[in-house]
Amino acid sequence: MARKSYHHGDLRSTILSEARNILETQGEAAMTMRMIAERIGVTAMAAYKHFANKDAILQALAVEGFNRLTQVTSTARKKDELSPDEQLTAIGVAYIMHGISHPKLYRVMFGQLTLGVPYADTKSAADEAYNVLRDCLRDNAKFFGFEEQKVDGHAFSVWSMAHGMTSLFVEGHARTRDIKTRAQQRAVATRGAELVTRGISFKNNSETSDDR
């Protein structure tokens, strides 16, 4: 195979693009530095100049994944001048559907994040994605009826539920409940996000002020 010539920046993005393609079509276990290099027509040594090993590529893919998650949830929140409760629901649906659309990447994202000591870039990108949800709750704490100092706890609760549903889809458990088509998946994601949004609102809740 003829070796291709790349500008310095182009080769890195080409490596990541091919790695993403292998991940999505064949899975993480099939991915090797040699395979990536061969498929894009460069030497393995050229690939190693940009990434020290496969783990470094997985880290970069995780960062890309979290950046994309930030983008889709931010876009969902800002669409059509939504009310605060509609914003929160839209974030939840966008989060869940993103994971469903990219299950293998979703596993890599959180696999990299839960390493003994996660890479700083991965954690930073994950925090940015998380902050879309957190900022929605912080900006609308008065609307939802809780004090601003409770935002972090509520954000973690909402994220846990979104992540839990997404993980059930990603690991194939939803198929056992006959939820298979994209329309069915979106309907369940929407219903789940609406229930969480309703549950996070303390406006008409009779709980004591201690719990708010």
C-alpha atoms as a PDB file:
ATOM      1  CA  MET A   1       0.000   0.000   0.000  1.00  0.00           C
ATOM      2  CA  ALA A   2       1.327   3.421  -0.938  1.00  0.00           C
ATOM      3  CA  ARG A   3       2.097   5.612   2.031  1.00  0.00           C
ATOM      4  CA  LYS A   4       0.151   8.843   2.192  1.00  0.00           C
ATOM      5  CA  SER A   5       1.511  12.271   2.999  1.00  0.00           C
ATOM      6  CA  TYR A   6      -0.177  14.355   5.667  1.00  0.00           C
ATOM      7  CA  HIS A   7       0.377  17.749   7.179  1.00  0.00           C
ATOM      8  CA  HIS A   8       1.247  17.446  10.867  1.00  0.00           C
ATOM      9  CA  GLY A   9      -2.197  18.417  12.141  1.00  0.00           C
ATOM     10  CA  ASP A  10      -4.038  16.417   9.497  1.00  0.00           C
ATOM     11  CA  LEU A  11      -2.489  13.086  10.485  1.00  0.00           C
ATOM     12  CA  ARG A  12      -3.614  13.350  14.087  1.00  0.00           C
ATOM     13  CA  SER A  13      -7.218  14.020  13.078  1.00  0.00           C
ATOM     14  CA  THR A  14      -7.050  11.239  10.466  1.00  0.00           C
ATOM     15  CA  ILE A  15      -5.816   8.767  13.077  1.00  0.00           C
ATOM     16  CA  LEU A  16      -8.673   9.711  15.389  1.00  0.00           C
ATOM     17  CA  SER A  17     -11.228   9.495  12.604  1.00  0.00           C
ATOM     18  CA  GLU A  18     -10.095   5.997  11.655  1.00  0.00           C
ATOM     19  CA  ALA A  19      -9.896   4.928  15.297  1.00  0.00           C
ATOM     20  CA  ARG A  20     -13.476   6.118  15.775  1.00  0.00           C
ATOM     21  CA  ASN A  21     -14.554   4.163  12.713  1.00  0.00           C
ATOM     22  CA  ILE A  22     -12.903   0.971  13.985  1.00  0.00           C
ATOM     23  CA  LEU A  23     -14.395   1.487  17.427  1.00  0.00           C
ATOM     24  CA  GLU A  24     -17.917   1.901  16.081  1.00  0.00           C
ATOM     25  CA  THR A  25     -17.764  -0.945  13.554  1.00  0.00           C
ATOM     26  CA  GLN A  26     -15.521  -3.528  15.233  1.00  0.00           C
ATOM     27  CA  GLY A  27     -15.216  -2.520  18.869  1.00  0.00           C
ATOM     28  CA  GLU A  28     -12.427  -1.388  21.165  1.00  0.00           C
ATOM     29  CA  ALA A  29     -10.755  -4.809  21.372  1.00  0.00           C
ATOM     30  CA  ALA A  30     -10.143  -4.879  17.606  1.00  0.00           C
ATOM     31  CA  MET A  31      -8.387  -1.513  17.572  1.00  0.00           C
ATOM     32  CA  THR A  32      -4.581  -1.508  17.370  1.00  0.00           C
ATOM     33  CA  MET A  33      -2.054   1.140  16.420  1.00  0.00           C
ATOM     34  CA  ARG A  34      -0.851  -1.055  13.556  1.00  0.00           C
ATOM     35  CA  MET A  35      -4.366  -1.528  12.184  1.00  0.00           C
ATOM     36  CA  ILE A  36      -5.051   2.201  12.269  1.00  0.00           C
ATOM     37  CA  ALA A  37      -1.768   2.996  10.529  1.00  0.00           C
ATOM     38  CA  GLU A  38      -2.319   0.392   7.826  1.00  0.00           C
ATOM     39  CA  ARG A  39      -5.861   1.550   7.121  1.00  0.00           C
ATOM     40  CA  ILE A  40      -4.854   5.189   6.640  1.00  0.00           C
ATOM     41  CA  GLY A  41      -1.715   4.271   4.704  1.00  0.00           C
ATOM     42  CA  VAL A  42       1.072   5.480   6.998  1.00  0.00           C
ATOM     43  CA  THR A  43       3.757   3.749   9.013  1.00  0.00           C
ATOM     44  CA  ALA A  44       3.099   2.759  12.607  1.00  0.00           C
ATOM     45  CA  MET A  45       6.040   4.992  13.548  1.00  0.00           C
ATOM     46  CA  ALA A  46       4.250   7.985  12.037  1.00  0.00           C
ATOM     47  CA  ALA A  47       1.167   7.225  14.138  1.00  0.00           C
ATOM     48  CA  TYR A  48       3.259   6.878  17.291  1.00  0.00           C
ATOM     49  CA  LYS A  49       4.536  10.421  16.785  1.00  0.00           C
ATOM     50  CA  HIS A  50       1.030  11.641  17.618  1.00  0.00           C
ATOM     51  CA  PHE A  51      -0.142   9.026  20.127  1.00  0.00           C
ATOM     52  CA  ALA A  52       2.087   7.086  22.499  1.00  0.00           C
ATOM     53  CA  ASN A  53      -0.202   4.071  22.518  1.00  0.00           C
ATOM     54  CA  LYS A  54      -3.777   2.852  22.108  1.00  0.00           C
ATOM     55  CA  ASP A  55      -4.757   4.253  25.508  1.00  0.00           C
ATOM     56  CA  ALA A  56      -3.771   7.736  24.342  1.00  0.00           C
ATOM     57  CA  ILE A  57      -6.096   7.350  21.357  1.00  0.00           C
ATOM     58  CA  LEU A  58      -8.917   6.174  23.607  1.00  0.00           C
ATOM     59  CA  GLN A  59      -8.342   9.185  25.832  1.00  0.00           C
ATOM     60  CA  ALA A  60      -8.591  11.520  22.830  1.00  0.00           C
ATOM     61  CA  LEU A  61     -11.760   9.769  21.655  1.00  0.00           C
ATOM     62  CA  ALA A  62     -13.268  10.163  25.130  1.00  0.00           C
ATOM     63  CA  VAL A  63     -12.488  13.894  25.092  1.00  0.00           C
ATOM     64  CA  GLU A  64     -14.104  14.183  21.655  1.00  0.00           C
ATOM     65  CA  GLY A  65     -17.127  12.280  22.930  1.00  0.00           C
ATOM     66  CA  PHE A  66     -17.621  14.538  25.939  1.00  0.00           C
ATOM     67  CA  ASN A  67     -17.122  17.634  23.778  1.00  0.00           C
ATOM     68  CA  ARG A  68     -19.811  16.390  21.415  1.00  0.00           C
ATOM     69  CA  LEU A  69     -22.094  15.641  24.365  1.00  0.00           C
ATOM     70  CA  THR A  70     -21.613  19.217  25.574  1.00  0.00           C
ATOM     71  CA  GLN A  71     -22.541  20.472  22.129  1.00  0.00           C
ATOM     72  CA  VAL A  72     -25.717  18.418  21.696  1.00  0.00           C
ATOM     73  CA  THR A  73     -27.052  19.109  25.198  1.00  0.00           C
ATOM     74  CA  SER A  74     -26.230  22.832  24.973  1.00  0.00           C
ATOM     75  CA  THR A  75     -27.975  23.038  21.618  1.00  0.00           C
ATOM     76  CA  ALA A  76     -31.011  21.199  22.981  1.00  0.00           C
ATOM     77  CA  ARG A  77     -31.254  23.573  25.928  1.00  0.00           C
ATOM     78  CA  LYS A  78     -31.069  26.717  23.784  1.00  0.00           C
ATOM     79  CA  LYS A  79     -33.536  25.612  21.132  1.00  0.00           C
ATOM     80  CA  ASP A  80     -36.800  27.517  20.637  1.00  0.00           C
ATOM     81  CA  GLU A  81     -36.783  29.628  23.835  1.00  0.00           C
ATOM     82  CA  LEU A  82     -37.797  26.717  26.035  1.00  0.00           C
ATOM     83  CA  SER A  83     -39.146  27.160  29.553  1.00  0.00           C
ATOM     84  CA  PRO A  84     -36.836  25.955  32.367  1.00  0.00           C
ATOM     85  CA  ASP A  85     -38.596  22.611  32.756  1.00  0.00           C
ATOM     86  CA  GLU A  86     -38.551  22.093  28.985  1.00  0.00           C
ATOM     87  CA  GLN A  87     -34.820  22.917  28.960  1.00  0.00           C
ATOM     88  CA  LEU A  88     -34.092  20.265  31.581  1.00  0.00           C
ATOM     89  CA  THR A  89     -36.155  17.676  29.729  1.00  0.00           C
ATOM     90  CA  ALA A  90     -34.444  18.550  26.436  1.00  0.00           C
ATOM     91  CA  ILE A  91     -30.998  18.137  28.011  1.00  0.00           C
ATOM     92  CA  GLY A  92     -31.983  14.733  29.350  1.00  0.00           C
ATOM     93  CA  VAL A  93     -33.353  13.492  26.034  1.00  0.00           C
ATOM     94  CA  ALA A  94     -30.312  14.774  24.120  1.00  0.00           C
ATOM     95  CA  TYR A  95     -27.974  13.076  26.609  1.00  0.00           C
ATOM     96  CA  ILE A  96     -29.745   9.710  26.415  1.00  0.00           C
ATOM     97  CA  MET A  97     -30.121   9.727  22.630  1.00  0.00           C
ATOM     98  CA  HIS A  98     -26.466  10.660  22.176  1.00  0.00           C
ATOM     99  CA  GLY A  99     -25.439   7.604  24.182  1.00  0.00           C
ATOM    100  CA  ILE A 100     -27.848   5.370  22.264  1.00  0.00           C
ATOM    101  CA  SER A 101     -26.450   6.643  18.959  1.00  0.00           C
ATOM    102  CA  HIS A 102     -22.824   6.035  19.973  1.00  0.00           C
ATOM    103  CA  PRO A 103     -22.844   3.124  22.452  1.00  0.00           C
ATOM    104  CA  LYS A 104     -19.241   2.019  22.010  1.00  0.00           C
ATOM    105  CA  LEU A 105     -17.939   5.562  22.287  1.00  0.00           C
ATOM    106  CA  TYR A 106     -20.123   6.083  25.381  1.00  0.00           C
ATOM    107  CA  ARG A 107     -18.445   3.095  27.032  1.00  0.00           C
ATOM    108  CA  VAL A 108     -15.017   4.492  26.180  1.00  0.00           C
ATOM    109  CA  MET A 109     -15.923   7.920  27.525  1.00  0.00           C
ATOM    110  CA  PHE A 110     -16.868   6.656  30.959  1.00  0.00           C
ATOM    111  CA  GLY A 111     -14.254   3.902  30.925  1.00  0.00           C
ATOM    112  CA  GLN A 112     -11.562   6.558  30.564  1.00  0.00           C
ATOM    113  CA  LEU A 113     -13.229   8.742  33.174  1.00  0.00           C
ATOM    114  CA  THR A 114     -13.277   5.971  35.771  1.00  0.00           C
ATOM    115  CA  LEU A 115      -9.605   5.038  35.486  1.00  0.00           C
ATOM    116  CA  GLY A 116      -7.734   5.080  38.798  1.00  0.00           C
ATOM    117  CA  VAL A 117      -6.523   8.592  37.999  1.00  0.00           C
ATOM    118  CA  PRO A 118      -8.431   9.945  34.980  1.00  0.00           C
ATOM    119  CA  TYR A 119      -6.533  12.058  32.497  1.00  0.00           C
ATOM    120  CA  ALA A 120      -6.922  15.779  33.180  1.00  0.00           C
ATOM    121  CA  ASP A 121      -8.204  16.473  29.643  1.00  0.00           C
ATOM    122  CA  THR A 122     -10.845  13.756  29.952  1.00  0.00           C
ATOM    123  CA  LYS A 123     -12.054  15.008  33.321  1.00  0.00           C
ATOM    124  CA  SER A 124     -12.138  18.594  32.086  1.00  0.00           C
ATOM    125  CA  ALA A 125     -14.222  17.631  29.045  1.00  0.00           C
ATOM    126  CA  ALA A 126     -16.545  15.534  31.225  1.00  0.00           C
ATOM    127  CA  ASP A 127     -16.975  18.459  33.632  1.00  0.00           C
ATOM    128  CA  GLU A 128     -17.932  20.739  30.749  1.00  0.00           C
ATOM    129  CA  ALA A 129     -20.617  18.270  29.667  1.00  0.00           C
ATOM    130  CA  TYR A 130     -21.891  17.940  33.229  1.00  0.00           C
ATOM    131  CA  ASN A 131     -21.997  21.709  33.625  1.00  0.00           C
ATOM    132  CA  VAL A 132     -24.641  22.044  30.913  1.00  0.00           C
ATOM    133  CA  LEU A 133     -27.023  20.272  33.282  1.00  0.00           C
ATOM    134  CA  ARG A 134     -25.686  21.984  36.380  1.00  0.00           C
ATOM    135  CA  ASP A 135     -25.956  25.439  34.819  1.00  0.00           C
ATOM    136  CA  CYS A 136     -29.559  24.779  33.793  1.00  0.00           C
ATOM    137  CA  LEU A 137     -30.456  23.971  37.400  1.00  0.00           C
ATOM    138  CA  ARG A 138     -28.407  26.859  38.803  1.00  0.00           C
ATOM    139  CA  ASP A 139     -29.919  29.385  36.390  1.00  0.00           C
ATOM    140  CA  ASN A 140     -33.423  28.176  37.167  1.00  0.00           C
ATOM    141  CA  ALA A 141     -33.212  27.301  40.870  1.00  0.00           C
ATOM    142  CA  LYS A 142     -35.930  29.809  41.695  1.00  0.00           C
ATOM    143  CA  PHE A 143     -38.216  28.366  39.016  1.00  0.00           C
ATOM    144  CA  PHE A 144     -37.768  24.840  40.357  1.00  0.00           C
ATOM    145  CA  GLY A 145     -38.173  26.009  43.930  1.00  0.00           C
ATOM    146  CA  PHE A 146     -34.917  25.046  45.616  1.00  0.00           C
ATOM    147  CA  GLU A 147     -32.073  27.043  47.105  1.00  0.00           C
ATOM    148  CA  GLU A 148     -29.037  27.627  44.926  1.00  0.00           C
ATOM    149  CA  GLN A 149     -26.694  25.853  47.346  1.00  0.00           C
ATOM    150  CA  LYS A 150     -28.639  22.641  46.627  1.00  0.00           C
ATOM    151  CA  VAL A 151     -27.794  22.745  42.914  1.00  0.00           C
ATOM    152  CA  ASP A 152     -24.860  20.322  43.066  1.00  0.00           C
ATOM    153  CA  GLY A 153     -26.820  17.626  44.857  1.00  0.00           C
ATOM    154  CA  HIS A 154     -29.793  17.933  42.522  1.00  0.00           C
ATOM    155  CA  ALA A 155     -27.541  17.978  39.444  1.00  0.00           C
ATOM    156  CA  PHE A 156     -25.879  14.743  40.531  1.00  0.00           C
ATOM    157  CA  SER A 157     -29.269  13.109  41.084  1.00  0.00           C
ATOM    158  CA  VAL A 158     -30.561  14.132  37.656  1.00  0.00           C
ATOM    159  CA  TRP A 159     -27.339  13.046  35.950  1.00  0.00           C
ATOM    160  CA  SER A 160     -27.419   9.690  37.734  1.00  0.00           C
ATOM    161  CA  MET A 161     -30.873   8.957  36.358  1.00  0.00           C
ATOM    162  CA  ALA A 162     -29.958  10.032  32.809  1.00  0.00           C
ATOM    163  CA  HIS A 163     -26.749   8.029  32.920  1.00  0.00           C
ATOM    164  CA  GLY A 164     -28.578   5.012  34.322  1.00  0.00           C
ATOM    165  CA  MET A 165     -31.144   4.946  31.527  1.00  0.00           C
ATOM    166  CA  THR A 166     -28.462   5.545  28.914  1.00  0.00           C
ATOM    167  CA  SER A 167     -26.381   2.672  30.279  1.00  0.00           C
ATOM    168  CA  LEU A 168     -29.377   0.322  30.113  1.00  0.00           C
ATOM    169  CA  PHE A 169     -29.767   1.168  26.443  1.00  0.00           C
ATOM    170  CA  VAL A 170     -26.036   0.991  25.718  1.00  0.00           C
ATOM    171  CA  GLU A 171     -25.669  -2.436  27.324  1.00  0.00           C
ATOM    172  CA  GLY A 172     -28.683  -3.784  25.442  1.00  0.00           C
ATOM    173  CA  HIS A 173     -30.983  -4.267  28.414  1.00  0.00           C
ATOM    174  CA  ALA A 174     -33.748  -2.158  26.876  1.00  0.00           C
ATOM    175  CA  ARG A 175     -34.173  -4.753  24.121  1.00  0.00           C
ATOM    176  CA  THR A 176     -35.399  -7.216  26.732  1.00  0.00           C
ATOM    177  CA  ARG A 177     -38.323  -4.807  27.263  1.00  0.00           C
ATOM    178  CA  ASP A 178     -39.020  -4.705  23.523  1.00  0.00           C
ATOM    179  CA  ILE A 179     -37.737  -1.148  23.155  1.00  0.00           C
ATOM    180  CA  LYS A 180     -35.903  -1.417  19.844  1.00  0.00           C
ATOM    181  CA  THR A 181     -36.805   1.275  17.317  1.00  0.00           C
ATOM    182  CA  ARG A 182     -35.453   4.804  17.439  1.00  0.00           C
ATOM    183  CA  ALA A 183     -38.984   6.161  17.918  1.00  0.00           C
ATOM    184  CA  GLN A 184     -39.531   3.841  20.895  1.00  0.00           C
ATOM    185  CA  GLN A 185     -36.172   4.814  22.369  1.00  0.00           C
ATOM    186  CA  ARG A 186     -36.886   8.527  22.047  1.00  0.00           C
ATOM    187  CA  ALA A 187     -40.354   8.118  23.529  1.00  0.00           C
ATOM    188  CA  VAL A 188     -38.960   6.304  26.573  1.00  0.00           C
ATOM    189  CA  ALA A 189     -36.112   8.822  26.923  1.00  0.00           C
ATOM    190  CA  THR A 190     -38.592  11.707  26.762  1.00  0.00           C
ATOM    191  CA  ARG A 191     -40.910  10.139  29.305  1.00  0.00           C
ATOM    192  CA  GLY A 192     -38.021   9.445  31.657  1.00  0.00           C
ATOM    193  CA  ALA A 193     -36.641  12.968  31.327  1.00  0.00           C
ATOM    194  CA  GLU A 194     -40.100  14.441  31.939  1.00  0.00           C
ATOM    195  CA  LEU A 195     -40.530  12.367  35.091  1.00  0.00           C
ATOM    196  CA  VAL A 196     -37.130  13.479  36.399  1.00  0.00           C
ATOM    197  CA  THR A 197     -37.946  17.109  35.602  1.00  0.00           C
ATOM    198  CA  ARG A 198     -41.224  16.828  37.467  1.00  0.00           C
ATOM    199  CA  GLY A 199     -39.480  15.202  40.407  1.00  0.00           C
ATOM    200  CA  ILE A 200     -36.804  17.897  40.694  1.00  0.00           C
ATOM    201  CA  SER A 201     -39.370  20.674  40.981  1.00  0.00           C
ATOM    202  CA  PHE A 202     -40.132  21.645  44.561  1.00  0.00           C
ATOM    203  CA  LYS A 203     -42.489  24.491  43.652  1.00  0.00           C
ATOM    204  CA  ASN A 204     -45.613  22.696  44.770  1.00  0.00           C
ATOM    205  CA  ASN A 205     -43.915  20.131  46.964  1.00  0.00           C
ATOM    206  CA  SER A 206     -44.895  19.804  50.595  1.00  0.00           C
ATOM    207  CA  GLU A 207     -41.432  18.731  51.735  1.00  0.00           C
ATOM    208  CA  THR A 208     -39.950  20.676  54.598  1.00  0.00           C
ATOM    209  CA  SER A 209     -37.628  23.582  53.955  1.00  0.00           C
ATOM    210  CA  ASP A 210     -34.863  21.399  55.367  1.00  0.00           C
ATOM    211  CA  ASP A 211     -35.030  19.235  52.249  1.00  0.00           C
ATOM    212  CA  ARG A 212     -35.111  22.097  49.791  1.00  0.00           C
END
